[in-house]
Amino acid sequence: MSNRRILVISDLHAPYQHKDAIKFLAAIKEKYNPDRVINIGDEVDNHAMSSHPSDASLYSAGDELKAAREVIWQLEELFPKMDVMESNHGSLAYRKALVAGIPKEILRPYKEVLDVKHWNWHDKLTLTLPNKQPCKFIHTYGANYLLSSQKCGISLVQGHWHGRFGVQFWGTEERLNFAMSVGCLIDDKSMAYAYNKVTVERPILGSGMIVDSQPIPIPMVLNRKGKWIGRI
């Protein structure tokens, strides 16, 4: 792959994603025609398996997985090949198994659980951009993504922090680097995000592109009714 047009999909949290999230990603595909797609993680929510109290009005763990798969299959139809970052929500079953003393080898791998064919999961991923400079992708190193990028010594793209969205640049004598946080694609009105009601920082919907080595945050702009305006 040339890595000339990299799409970075932000935290989807299926099946509790914004109802227009797939349409939004389809519009990005049509406009930018990405040659590589990276999902920054939290592709599924796993609310019912969380260590935090789950809302009894929402799906059971089994039903949530079924509903999440339906969303994931729509995404797979758009992007048959994808690199996915391991993440705190996506890995919930494996982390619970670790606490219970169950070896990971006994569990089904991510792609079998979600029934996808050509998606690959990574703890982190470093790619060489067309300008010959490295760029690291990870679910998160911390809320201060600029500082994380500087500590890594290279450009960095991350997710996880739903209210962090944008690009910051920093330089050395050798090169200009960037740090990008890509927000999320959640439905903030879902009961799965009831915890958001007690925080001042609001989720910012969007994703990101890296085109010819340059980062481009793409906000998902909503109207007053909470619907995507239909353009990027």
C-alpha atoms as a PDB file:
ATOM      1  CA  MET A   1       0.000   0.000   0.000  1.00  0.00           C
ATOM      2  CA  SER A   2       1.172   3.529  -0.755  1.00  0.00           C
ATOM      3  CA  ASN A   3      -0.269   5.064   2.437  1.00  0.00           C
ATOM      4  CA  ARG A   4      -1.052   8.182   0.420  1.00  0.00           C
ATOM      5  CA  ARG A   5      -4.651   8.344   1.673  1.00  0.00           C
ATOM      6  CA  ILE A   6      -5.152   6.817   5.122  1.00  0.00           C
ATOM      7  CA  LEU A   7      -8.597   6.905   6.713  1.00  0.00           C
ATOM      8  CA  VAL A   8      -8.630   6.726  10.507  1.00  0.00           C
ATOM      9  CA  ILE A   9     -12.047   5.665  11.825  1.00  0.00           C
ATOM     10  CA  SER A  10     -12.707   6.936  15.321  1.00  0.00           C
ATOM     11  CA  ASP A  11     -14.397   5.151  18.244  1.00  0.00           C
ATOM     12  CA  LEU A  12     -17.621   3.666  16.829  1.00  0.00           C
ATOM     13  CA  HIS A  13     -18.836   1.776  19.915  1.00  0.00           C
ATOM     14  CA  ALA A  14     -21.298  -0.383  17.945  1.00  0.00           C
ATOM     15  CA  PRO A  15     -24.193  -0.895  18.418  1.00  0.00           C
ATOM     16  CA  TYR A  16     -24.388   2.443  20.230  1.00  0.00           C
ATOM     17  CA  GLN A  17     -22.908   4.474  17.362  1.00  0.00           C
ATOM     18  CA  HIS A  18     -24.539   7.564  15.889  1.00  0.00           C
ATOM     19  CA  LYS A  19     -27.232   6.441  13.465  1.00  0.00           C
ATOM     20  CA  ASP A  20     -25.568   8.330  10.588  1.00  0.00           C
ATOM     21  CA  ALA A  21     -22.022   7.112  11.311  1.00  0.00           C
ATOM     22  CA  ILE A  22     -21.873   4.590   8.442  1.00  0.00           C
ATOM     23  CA  LYS A  23     -23.277   7.133   5.977  1.00  0.00           C
ATOM     24  CA  PHE A  24     -20.674   9.636   7.169  1.00  0.00           C
ATOM     25  CA  LEU A  25     -17.854   7.145   6.603  1.00  0.00           C
ATOM     26  CA  ALA A  26     -19.266   6.279   3.175  1.00  0.00           C
ATOM     27  CA  ALA A  27     -19.124   9.974   2.257  1.00  0.00           C
ATOM     28  CA  ILE A  28     -15.483  10.146   3.352  1.00  0.00           C
ATOM     29  CA  LYS A  29     -14.735   7.104   1.204  1.00  0.00           C
ATOM     30  CA  GLU A  30     -16.408   8.699  -1.809  1.00  0.00           C
ATOM     31  CA  LYS A  31     -14.506  11.970  -1.399  1.00  0.00           C
ATOM     32  CA  TYR A  32     -11.044  10.703  -0.466  1.00  0.00           C
ATOM     33  CA  ASN A  33     -10.895   7.117  -1.807  1.00  0.00           C
ATOM     34  CA  PRO A  34      -8.568   5.876   0.961  1.00  0.00           C
ATOM     35  CA  ASP A  35      -5.940   3.275   0.076  1.00  0.00           C
ATOM     36  CA  ARG A  36      -5.604   2.155   3.712  1.00  0.00           C
ATOM     37  CA  VAL A  37      -8.183   2.102   6.507  1.00  0.00           C
ATOM     38  CA  ILE A  38      -7.271   2.083  10.185  1.00  0.00           C
ATOM     39  CA  ASN A  39      -9.885   1.691  12.909  1.00  0.00           C
ATOM     40  CA  ILE A  40      -8.471   3.362  16.019  1.00  0.00           C
ATOM     41  CA  GLY A  41     -10.347   0.942  18.314  1.00  0.00           C
ATOM     42  CA  ASP A  42     -13.503   0.656  20.418  1.00  0.00           C
ATOM     43  CA  GLU A  43     -15.163  -0.640  17.273  1.00  0.00           C
ATOM     44  CA  VAL A  44     -17.686  -2.269  19.627  1.00  0.00           C
ATOM     45  CA  ASP A  45     -18.903  -1.074  23.026  1.00  0.00           C
ATOM     46  CA  ASN A  46     -19.500  -4.280  25.025  1.00  0.00           C
ATOM     47  CA  HIS A  47     -21.575  -2.245  27.491  1.00  0.00           C
ATOM     48  CA  ALA A  48     -23.171  -5.357  29.007  1.00  0.00           C
ATOM     49  CA  MET A  49     -19.728  -6.845  29.790  1.00  0.00           C
ATOM     50  CA  SER A  50     -18.321  -3.693  31.373  1.00  0.00           C
ATOM     51  CA  SER A  51     -16.984  -3.751  34.912  1.00  0.00           C
ATOM     52  CA  HIS A  52     -19.106  -0.663  35.495  1.00  0.00           C
ATOM     53  CA  PRO A  53     -22.854  -1.023  36.184  1.00  0.00           C
ATOM     54  CA  SER A  54     -24.738  -1.653  32.921  1.00  0.00           C
ATOM     55  CA  ASP A  55     -28.188  -0.299  32.174  1.00  0.00           C
ATOM     56  CA  ALA A  56     -30.765  -3.095  32.381  1.00  0.00           C
ATOM     57  CA  SER A  57     -32.818  -1.373  29.679  1.00  0.00           C
ATOM     58  CA  LEU A  58     -30.091  -2.012  27.118  1.00  0.00           C
ATOM     59  CA  TYR A  59     -29.050  -5.223  25.337  1.00  0.00           C
ATOM     60  CA  SER A  60     -27.848  -8.300  27.176  1.00  0.00           C
ATOM     61  CA  ALA A  61     -24.273  -9.284  26.299  1.00  0.00           C
ATOM     62  CA  GLY A  62     -25.403 -11.793  23.676  1.00  0.00           C
ATOM     63  CA  ASP A  63     -27.943  -9.491  22.056  1.00  0.00           C
ATOM     64  CA  GLU A  64     -25.465  -6.634  22.087  1.00  0.00           C
ATOM     65  CA  LEU A  65     -22.948  -8.733  20.170  1.00  0.00           C
ATOM     66  CA  LYS A  66     -25.582  -9.636  17.574  1.00  0.00           C
ATOM     67  CA  ALA A  67     -26.558  -5.974  17.139  1.00  0.00           C
ATOM     68  CA  ALA A  68     -22.904  -4.894  16.988  1.00  0.00           C
ATOM     69  CA  ARG A  69     -22.149  -7.468  14.285  1.00  0.00           C
ATOM     70  CA  GLU A  70     -24.863  -5.999  12.078  1.00  0.00           C
ATOM     71  CA  VAL A  71     -23.114  -2.626  12.253  1.00  0.00           C
ATOM     72  CA  ILE A  72     -19.665  -4.148  11.800  1.00  0.00           C
ATOM     73  CA  TRP A  73     -20.831  -6.005   8.689  1.00  0.00           C
ATOM     74  CA  GLN A  74     -22.044  -2.737   7.176  1.00  0.00           C
ATOM     75  CA  LEU A  75     -18.606  -1.294   7.874  1.00  0.00           C
ATOM     76  CA  GLU A  76     -16.928  -4.362   6.376  1.00  0.00           C
ATOM     77  CA  GLU A  77     -18.978  -3.930   3.218  1.00  0.00           C
ATOM     78  CA  LEU A  78     -17.599  -0.392   2.935  1.00  0.00           C
ATOM     79  CA  PHE A  79     -14.042  -1.346   3.897  1.00  0.00           C
ATOM     80  CA  PRO A  80     -13.303  -5.068   3.349  1.00  0.00           C
ATOM     81  CA  LYS A  81      -9.681  -4.609   4.483  1.00  0.00           C
ATOM     82  CA  MET A  82      -8.911  -2.826   7.731  1.00  0.00           C
ATOM     83  CA  ASP A  83      -6.328  -2.593  10.480  1.00  0.00           C
ATOM     84  CA  VAL A  84      -7.935  -2.328  13.925  1.00  0.00           C
ATOM     85  CA  MET A  85      -6.227  -1.138  17.095  1.00  0.00           C
ATOM     86  CA  GLU A  86      -6.786  -3.172  20.251  1.00  0.00           C
ATOM     87  CA  SER A  87      -8.728  -1.084  22.756  1.00  0.00           C
ATOM     88  CA  ASN A  88     -10.312  -1.037  26.187  1.00  0.00           C
ATOM     89  CA  HIS A  89     -13.881  -1.701  24.998  1.00  0.00           C
ATOM     90  CA  GLY A  90     -12.986  -4.063  22.165  1.00  0.00           C
ATOM     91  CA  SER A  91     -10.836  -6.213  24.447  1.00  0.00           C
ATOM     92  CA  LEU A  92     -13.274  -6.494  27.372  1.00  0.00           C
ATOM     93  CA  ALA A  93     -13.868 -10.233  26.996  1.00  0.00           C
ATOM     94  CA  TYR A  94     -10.134 -10.935  26.868  1.00  0.00           C
ATOM     95  CA  ARG A  95      -9.434  -8.764  29.908  1.00  0.00           C
ATOM     96  CA  LYS A  96     -12.167 -10.497  31.889  1.00  0.00           C
ATOM     97  CA  ALA A  97     -10.708 -13.836  30.868  1.00  0.00           C
ATOM     98  CA  LEU A  98      -7.301 -12.675  32.111  1.00  0.00           C
ATOM     99  CA  VAL A  99      -8.763 -11.881  35.542  1.00  0.00           C
ATOM    100  CA  ALA A 100     -10.440 -15.308  35.576  1.00  0.00           C
ATOM    101  CA  GLY A 101      -7.173 -17.045  34.694  1.00  0.00           C
ATOM    102  CA  ILE A 102      -8.327 -18.164  31.235  1.00  0.00           C
ATOM    103  CA  PRO A 103      -5.543 -18.249  28.591  1.00  0.00           C
ATOM    104  CA  LYS A 104      -6.191 -16.056  25.555  1.00  0.00           C
ATOM    105  CA  GLU A 105      -5.442 -19.048  23.311  1.00  0.00           C
ATOM    106  CA  ILE A 106      -8.689 -20.675  24.439  1.00  0.00           C
ATOM    107  CA  LEU A 107     -10.769 -17.700  23.312  1.00  0.00           C
ATOM    108  CA  ARG A 108     -11.897 -16.966  19.780  1.00  0.00           C
ATOM    109  CA  PRO A 109      -9.876 -14.247  17.969  1.00  0.00           C
ATOM    110  CA  TYR A 110     -11.419 -10.866  17.241  1.00  0.00           C
ATOM    111  CA  LYS A 111     -12.174 -11.551  13.586  1.00  0.00           C
ATOM    112  CA  GLU A 112     -14.071 -14.741  14.448  1.00  0.00           C
ATOM    113  CA  VAL A 113     -16.103 -13.042  17.163  1.00  0.00           C
ATOM    114  CA  LEU A 114     -17.173 -10.273  14.756  1.00  0.00           C
ATOM    115  CA  ASP A 115     -17.220 -12.605  11.715  1.00  0.00           C
ATOM    116  CA  VAL A 116     -15.039 -10.460   9.455  1.00  0.00           C
ATOM    117  CA  LYS A 117     -12.560 -11.852   6.945  1.00  0.00           C
ATOM    118  CA  HIS A 118      -9.794  -9.360   6.163  1.00  0.00           C
ATOM    119  CA  TRP A 119      -9.517  -7.207   9.271  1.00  0.00           C
ATOM    120  CA  ASN A 120      -6.381  -7.459  11.398  1.00  0.00           C
ATOM    121  CA  TRP A 121      -5.962  -6.339  15.016  1.00  0.00           C
ATOM    122  CA  HIS A 122      -2.809  -4.678  16.384  1.00  0.00           C
ATOM    123  CA  ASP A 123      -1.680  -3.411  19.766  1.00  0.00           C
ATOM    124  CA  LYS A 124      -0.145  -0.486  17.887  1.00  0.00           C
ATOM    125  CA  LEU A 125       0.951   0.115  14.314  1.00  0.00           C
ATOM    126  CA  THR A 126       3.709   2.273  12.835  1.00  0.00           C
ATOM    127  CA  LEU A 127       3.582   3.131   9.135  1.00  0.00           C
ATOM    128  CA  THR A 128       5.929   5.019   6.835  1.00  0.00           C
ATOM    129  CA  LEU A 129       4.160   7.926   5.152  1.00  0.00           C
ATOM    130  CA  PRO A 130       4.920   9.044   1.574  1.00  0.00           C
ATOM    131  CA  ASN A 131       7.285  11.736   2.921  1.00  0.00           C
ATOM    132  CA  LYS A 132       9.362   8.860   4.393  1.00  0.00           C
ATOM    133  CA  GLN A 133       8.476   9.863   7.960  1.00  0.00           C
ATOM    134  CA  PRO A 134       7.016   7.394  10.498  1.00  0.00           C
ATOM    135  CA  CYS A 135       3.552   7.709  12.022  1.00  0.00           C
ATOM    136  CA  LYS A 136       2.272   5.642  14.951  1.00  0.00           C
ATOM    137  CA  PHE A 137      -1.359   4.599  15.437  1.00  0.00           C
ATOM    138  CA  ILE A 138      -2.653   3.460  18.826  1.00  0.00           C
ATOM    139  CA  HIS A 139      -5.968   3.514  20.667  1.00  0.00           C
ATOM    140  CA  THR A 140      -4.494   5.820  23.299  1.00  0.00           C
ATOM    141  CA  TYR A 141      -1.393   6.684  25.262  1.00  0.00           C
ATOM    142  CA  GLY A 142      -3.126   9.401  27.296  1.00  0.00           C
ATOM    143  CA  ALA A 143      -5.358  12.462  27.057  1.00  0.00           C
ATOM    144  CA  ASN A 144      -2.476  14.749  26.075  1.00  0.00           C
ATOM    145  CA  TYR A 145      -1.894  13.408  22.581  1.00  0.00           C
ATOM    146  CA  LEU A 146       0.669  16.111  21.747  1.00  0.00           C
ATOM    147  CA  LEU A 147       2.827  15.111  24.707  1.00  0.00           C
ATOM    148  CA  SER A 148       2.447  11.433  23.798  1.00  0.00           C
ATOM    149  CA  SER A 149       3.616  12.148  20.262  1.00  0.00           C
ATOM    150  CA  GLN A 150       6.609  14.085  21.539  1.00  0.00           C
ATOM    151  CA  LYS A 151       7.565  11.295  23.937  1.00  0.00           C
ATOM    152  CA  CYS A 152       7.368   8.768  21.083  1.00  0.00           C
ATOM    153  CA  GLY A 153       9.486  11.095  18.956  1.00  0.00           C
ATOM    154  CA  ILE A 154       7.259  10.670  15.888  1.00  0.00           C
ATOM    155  CA  SER A 155       3.831  11.637  14.555  1.00  0.00           C
ATOM    156  CA  LEU A 156       0.973   9.964  16.407  1.00  0.00           C
ATOM    157  CA  VAL A 157      -2.741   9.297  15.815  1.00  0.00           C
ATOM    158  CA  GLN A 158      -5.023   8.126  18.623  1.00  0.00           C
ATOM    159  CA  GLY A 159      -8.656   7.910  19.749  1.00  0.00           C
ATOM    160  CA  HIS A 160     -10.359   6.928  23.038  1.00  0.00           C
ATOM    161  CA  TRP A 161     -10.873  10.485  24.321  1.00  0.00           C
ATOM    162  CA  HIS A 162     -14.280  11.304  22.842  1.00  0.00           C
ATOM    163  CA  GLY A 163     -13.966  15.023  23.470  1.00  0.00           C
ATOM    164  CA  ARG A 164     -10.484  15.399  21.964  1.00  0.00           C
ATOM    165  CA  PHE A 165     -10.468  16.145  18.248  1.00  0.00           C
ATOM    166  CA  GLY A 166      -7.914  17.954  16.126  1.00  0.00           C
ATOM    167  CA  VAL A 167      -4.286  18.234  15.088  1.00  0.00           C
ATOM    168  CA  GLN A 168      -1.285  19.766  16.818  1.00  0.00           C
ATOM    169  CA  PHE A 169       2.127  20.141  15.222  1.00  0.00           C
ATOM    170  CA  TRP A 170       5.584  20.056  16.749  1.00  0.00           C
ATOM    171  CA  GLY A 171       8.995  20.192  15.170  1.00  0.00           C
ATOM    172  CA  THR A 172      12.586  19.141  15.530  1.00  0.00           C
ATOM    173  CA  GLU A 173      15.657  20.077  13.523  1.00  0.00           C
ATOM    174  CA  GLU A 174      15.028  17.011  11.372  1.00  0.00           C
ATOM    175  CA  ARG A 175      11.286  17.144  10.642  1.00  0.00           C
ATOM    176  CA  LEU A 176       7.806  18.474  11.316  1.00  0.00           C
ATOM    177  CA  ASN A 177       5.622  16.047  13.269  1.00  0.00           C
ATOM    178  CA  PHE A 178       1.927  15.994  14.083  1.00  0.00           C
ATOM    179  CA  ALA A 179      -0.364  14.593  16.754  1.00  0.00           C
ATOM    180  CA  MET A 180      -3.985  13.884  15.810  1.00  0.00           C
ATOM    181  CA  SER A 181      -6.906  12.814  17.987  1.00  0.00           C
ATOM    182  CA  VAL A 182      -9.932  11.663  16.008  1.00  0.00           C
ATOM    183  CA  GLY A 183     -12.871  12.032  18.432  1.00  0.00           C
ATOM    184  CA  CYS A 184     -15.655   9.456  18.182  1.00  0.00           C
ATOM    185  CA  LEU A 185     -18.809   8.402  16.314  1.00  0.00           C
ATOM    186  CA  ILE A 186     -21.102   7.624  19.253  1.00  0.00           C
ATOM    187  CA  ASP A 187     -24.761   8.390  19.820  1.00  0.00           C
ATOM    188  CA  ASP A 188     -24.389  10.598  22.872  1.00  0.00           C
ATOM    189  CA  LYS A 189     -28.122  10.271  23.582  1.00  0.00           C
ATOM    190  CA  SER A 190     -27.858   6.513  24.121  1.00  0.00           C
ATOM    191  CA  MET A 191     -28.227   5.248  27.675  1.00  0.00           C
ATOM    192  CA  ALA A 192     -24.855   3.548  27.169  1.00  0.00           C
ATOM    193  CA  TYR A 193     -23.289   6.987  27.657  1.00  0.00           C
ATOM    194  CA  ALA A 194     -25.260   8.117  30.679  1.00  0.00           C
ATOM    195  CA  TYR A 195     -21.919   8.888  32.349  1.00  0.00           C
ATOM    196  CA  ASN A 196     -21.450  11.768  29.888  1.00  0.00           C
ATOM    197  CA  LYS A 197     -24.206  13.706  31.614  1.00  0.00           C
ATOM    198  CA  VAL A 198     -21.938  14.505  34.540  1.00  0.00           C
ATOM    199  CA  THR A 199     -18.988  15.734  32.452  1.00  0.00           C
ATOM    200  CA  VAL A 200     -18.501  19.194  30.966  1.00  0.00           C
ATOM    201  CA  GLU A 201     -16.416  17.973  28.030  1.00  0.00           C
ATOM    202  CA  ARG A 202     -18.748  16.860  25.247  1.00  0.00           C
ATOM    203  CA  PRO A 203     -18.080  14.180  22.618  1.00  0.00           C
ATOM    204  CA  ILE A 204     -16.851  15.498  19.278  1.00  0.00           C
ATOM    205  CA  LEU A 205     -17.969  13.397  16.327  1.00  0.00           C
ATOM    206  CA  GLY A 206     -15.643  12.887  13.412  1.00  0.00           C
ATOM    207  CA  SER A 207     -12.793  10.859  11.945  1.00  0.00           C
ATOM    208  CA  GLY A 208      -9.515  11.667  10.219  1.00  0.00           C
ATOM    209  CA  MET A 209      -7.590  11.366   6.991  1.00  0.00           C
ATOM    210  CA  ILE A 210      -3.882  11.548   6.305  1.00  0.00           C
ATOM    211  CA  VAL A 211      -3.491  12.654   2.700  1.00  0.00           C
ATOM    212  CA  ASP A 212      -0.008  12.834   1.191  1.00  0.00           C
ATOM    213  CA  SER A 213       1.437  12.779   4.729  1.00  0.00           C
ATOM    214  CA  GLN A 214      -0.768  15.653   5.940  1.00  0.00           C
ATOM    215  CA  PRO A 215      -3.377  15.095   8.713  1.00  0.00           C
ATOM    216  CA  ILE A 216      -6.954  16.237   8.066  1.00  0.00           C
ATOM    217  CA  PRO A 217      -9.532  16.101  10.876  1.00  0.00           C
ATOM    218  CA  ILE A 218     -13.028  15.585   9.429  1.00  0.00           C
ATOM    219  CA  PRO A 219     -15.800  16.655  11.820  1.00  0.00           C
ATOM    220  CA  MET A 220     -19.227  15.062  11.571  1.00  0.00           C
ATOM    221  CA  VAL A 221     -21.397  18.167  11.801  1.00  0.00           C
ATOM    222  CA  LEU A 222     -24.906  17.686  13.208  1.00  0.00           C
ATOM    223  CA  ASN A 223     -27.986  19.880  12.889  1.00  0.00           C
ATOM    224  CA  ARG A 224     -30.127  20.998  15.815  1.00  0.00           C
ATOM    225  CA  LYS A 225     -32.025  17.718  15.727  1.00  0.00           C
ATOM    226  CA  GLY A 226     -28.822  15.738  16.154  1.00  0.00           C
ATOM    227  CA  LYS A 227     -28.743  14.459  12.581  1.00  0.00           C
ATOM    228  CA  TRP A 228     -25.696  14.583  10.330  1.00  0.00           C
ATOM    229  CA  ILE A 229     -26.017  17.452   7.820  1.00  0.00           C
ATOM    230  CA  GLY A 230     -25.078  15.072   4.987  1.00  0.00           C
ATOM    231  CA  ARG A 231     -21.851  16.661   3.758  1.00  0.00           C
ATOM    232  CA  ILE A 232     -18.189  16.829   4.726  1.00  0.00           C
END
